[in-house]
Amino acid sequence: MLDKEISQLISEGYSVDELEHHISQLHEYNDIKDVGQMLLGKLAVVRGVTTKELYPEFGLDMSD
């Protein structure tokens, strides 16, 4: 299935290098987001609140 999606993107004009770079950036973003979630979780424990309660304080949306 992945090969089919890659072939589709290539037929739309994307290069393999662009796709690999984009995938690499997504991995980095997800790693950073995971660290942020971990820090919010630790702060929530220290404050005795839920992480959901911290979102407004840091300007975050629940879909973030």
N, C-alpha and C. Protein backbone atom coordinates (compact mmCIF):
# COMPACT_ATOMS: atom_id res chain seq x y z
N MET A 1 0.83 -1.19 0.00
CA MET A 1 0.00 0.00 0.00
C MET A 1 0.88 1.26 0.00
N LEU A 2 1.93 1.25 0.81
CA LEU A 2 2.82 2.41 0.87
C LEU A 2 3.47 2.66 -0.49
N ASP A 3 3.89 1.57 -1.15
CA ASP A 3 4.51 1.72 -2.47
C ASP A 3 3.54 2.37 -3.45
N LYS A 4 2.27 2.01 -3.35
CA LYS A 4 1.25 2.60 -4.23
C LYS A 4 1.12 4.10 -3.97
N GLU A 5 1.11 4.47 -2.68
CA GLU A 5 1.00 5.89 -2.33
C GLU A 5 2.23 6.67 -2.80
N ILE A 6 3.40 6.08 -2.64
CA ILE A 6 4.63 6.73 -3.09
C ILE A 6 4.59 6.90 -4.61
N SER A 7 4.17 5.87 -5.32
CA SER A 7 4.06 5.96 -6.78
C SER A 7 3.10 7.06 -7.19
N GLN A 8 1.99 7.18 -6.47
CA GLN A 8 1.00 8.22 -6.76
C GLN A 8 1.62 9.60 -6.58
N LEU A 9 2.34 9.80 -5.47
CA LEU A 9 2.96 11.10 -5.21
C LEU A 9 4.02 11.44 -6.26
N ILE A 10 4.79 10.44 -6.66
CA ILE A 10 5.81 10.66 -7.69
C ILE A 10 5.14 11.04 -9.01
N SER A 11 4.02 10.39 -9.32
CA SER A 11 3.30 10.73 -10.56
C SER A 11 2.72 12.14 -10.50
N GLU A 12 2.54 12.67 -9.28
CA GLU A 12 2.04 14.03 -9.11
C GLU A 12 3.16 15.07 -9.13
N GLY A 13 4.41 14.59 -9.31
CA GLY A 13 5.52 15.52 -9.45
C GLY A 13 6.45 15.62 -8.26
N TYR A 14 6.19 14.86 -7.21
CA TYR A 14 7.09 14.88 -6.05
C TYR A 14 8.27 13.97 -6.31
N SER A 15 9.43 14.33 -5.77
CA SER A 15 10.61 13.47 -5.91
C SER A 15 10.78 12.63 -4.65
N VAL A 16 11.49 11.53 -4.79
CA VAL A 16 11.74 10.65 -3.65
C VAL A 16 12.50 11.42 -2.57
N ASP A 17 13.45 12.26 -2.97
CA ASP A 17 14.20 13.06 -2.00
C ASP A 17 13.28 13.98 -1.20
N GLU A 18 12.34 14.62 -1.90
CA GLU A 18 11.38 15.49 -1.20
C GLU A 18 10.54 14.70 -0.20
N LEU A 19 10.09 13.53 -0.63
CA LEU A 19 9.26 12.70 0.24
C LEU A 19 10.05 12.24 1.46
N GLU A 20 11.29 11.81 1.25
CA GLU A 20 12.13 11.37 2.36
C GLU A 20 12.39 12.52 3.33
N HIS A 21 12.62 13.71 2.80
CA HIS A 21 12.86 14.89 3.65
C HIS A 21 11.60 15.21 4.46
N HIS A 22 10.46 15.15 3.81
CA HIS A 22 9.19 15.43 4.49
C HIS A 22 8.93 14.41 5.60
N ILE A 23 9.18 13.14 5.32
CA ILE A 23 9.00 12.09 6.32
C ILE A 23 9.94 12.32 7.49
N SER A 24 11.18 12.70 7.20
CA SER A 24 12.16 12.98 8.25
C SER A 24 11.69 14.14 9.13
N GLN A 25 11.15 15.18 8.50
CA GLN A 25 10.64 16.32 9.27
C GLN A 25 9.45 15.92 10.14
N LEU A 26 8.59 15.06 9.62
CA LEU A 26 7.44 14.59 10.41
C LEU A 26 7.90 13.80 11.63
N HIS A 27 8.92 12.96 11.45
CA HIS A 27 9.46 12.20 12.58
C HIS A 27 10.02 13.15 13.65
N GLU A 28 10.76 14.16 13.22
CA GLU A 28 11.33 15.13 14.16
C GLU A 28 10.22 15.88 14.89
N TYR A 29 9.20 16.32 14.15
CA TYR A 29 8.06 17.01 14.76
C TYR A 29 7.39 16.12 15.81
N ASN A 30 7.16 14.86 15.46
CA ASN A 30 6.51 13.95 16.40
C ASN A 30 7.35 13.71 17.64
N ASP A 31 8.67 13.60 17.48
CA ASP A 31 9.56 13.44 18.64
C ASP A 31 9.48 14.65 19.56
N ILE A 32 9.49 15.85 18.98
CA ILE A 32 9.42 17.08 19.78
C ILE A 32 8.06 17.18 20.46
N LYS A 33 7.00 16.84 19.74
CA LYS A 33 5.66 16.88 20.32
C LYS A 33 5.55 15.89 21.49
N ASP A 34 6.15 14.70 21.34
CA ASP A 34 6.14 13.72 22.42
C ASP A 34 6.82 14.26 23.67
N VAL A 35 7.95 14.94 23.50
CA VAL A 35 8.66 15.53 24.64
C VAL A 35 7.79 16.60 25.30
N GLY A 36 7.13 17.42 24.49
CA GLY A 36 6.23 18.44 25.04
C GLY A 36 5.10 17.83 25.84
N GLN A 37 4.53 16.75 25.32
CA GLN A 37 3.45 16.07 26.04
C GLN A 37 3.95 15.48 27.36
N MET A 38 5.16 14.94 27.33
CA MET A 38 5.74 14.38 28.54
C MET A 38 5.94 15.48 29.59
N LEU A 39 6.45 16.63 29.16
CA LEU A 39 6.67 17.74 30.08
C LEU A 39 5.35 18.26 30.65
N LEU A 40 4.34 18.38 29.80
CA LEU A 40 3.02 18.79 30.28
C LEU A 40 2.49 17.80 31.31
N GLY A 41 2.70 16.52 31.06
CA GLY A 41 2.25 15.49 31.99
C GLY A 41 2.95 15.61 33.33
N LYS A 42 4.24 15.84 33.32
CA LYS A 42 4.98 15.99 34.58
C LYS A 42 4.55 17.24 35.33
N LEU A 43 4.34 18.34 34.60
CA LEU A 43 3.88 19.57 35.23
C LEU A 43 2.49 19.38 35.83
N ALA A 44 1.64 18.66 35.12
CA ALA A 44 0.29 18.39 35.62
C ALA A 44 0.35 17.61 36.93
N VAL A 45 1.24 16.63 37.01
CA VAL A 45 1.38 15.85 38.24
C VAL A 45 1.84 16.74 39.38
N VAL A 46 2.84 17.58 39.13
CA VAL A 46 3.36 18.48 40.17
C VAL A 46 2.27 19.42 40.67
N ARG A 47 1.46 19.93 39.75
CA ARG A 47 0.40 20.87 40.12
C ARG A 47 -0.88 20.17 40.60
N GLY A 48 -0.95 18.88 40.40
CA GLY A 48 -2.15 18.15 40.81
C GLY A 48 -3.36 18.44 39.93
N VAL A 49 -3.11 18.65 38.65
CA VAL A 49 -4.19 18.91 37.70
C VAL A 49 -4.05 17.95 36.52
N THR A 50 -5.00 18.01 35.61
CA THR A 50 -4.88 17.21 34.39
C THR A 50 -4.12 18.00 33.33
N THR A 51 -3.57 17.28 32.37
CA THR A 51 -2.89 17.97 31.27
C THR A 51 -3.88 18.84 30.51
N LYS A 52 -5.11 18.37 30.41
CA LYS A 52 -6.16 19.15 29.72
C LYS A 52 -6.33 20.53 30.34
N GLU A 53 -6.20 20.60 31.66
CA GLU A 53 -6.35 21.88 32.35
C GLU A 53 -5.19 22.83 32.05
N LEU A 54 -4.05 22.30 31.64
CA LEU A 54 -2.88 23.14 31.34
C LEU A 54 -2.92 23.73 29.93
N TYR A 55 -3.66 23.12 29.03
CA TYR A 55 -3.68 23.57 27.64
C TYR A 55 -3.98 25.06 27.48
N PRO A 56 -5.04 25.58 28.11
CA PRO A 56 -5.32 27.02 27.94
C PRO A 56 -4.17 27.92 28.43
N GLU A 57 -3.52 27.50 29.51
CA GLU A 57 -2.43 28.30 30.07
C GLU A 57 -1.29 28.48 29.06
N PHE A 58 -1.08 27.47 28.23
CA PHE A 58 0.02 27.52 27.27
C PHE A 58 -0.47 27.79 25.84
N GLY A 59 -1.72 28.21 25.73
CA GLY A 59 -2.26 28.55 24.41
C GLY A 59 -2.41 27.37 23.48
N LEU A 60 -2.64 26.19 24.05
CA LEU A 60 -2.77 24.99 23.23
C LEU A 60 -4.24 24.64 23.02
N ASP A 61 -4.51 24.01 21.91
CA ASP A 61 -5.84 23.53 21.59
C ASP A 61 -5.83 22.01 21.79
N MET A 62 -6.93 21.44 22.19
CA MET A 62 -6.97 20.00 22.42
C MET A 62 -6.62 19.20 21.17
N SER A 63 -6.75 19.78 20.01
CA SER A 63 -6.40 19.08 18.78
C SER A 63 -4.91 19.16 18.47
N ASP A 64 -4.15 19.93 19.26
CA ASP A 64 -2.70 20.07 19.05
C ASP A 64 -1.98 18.79 19.40
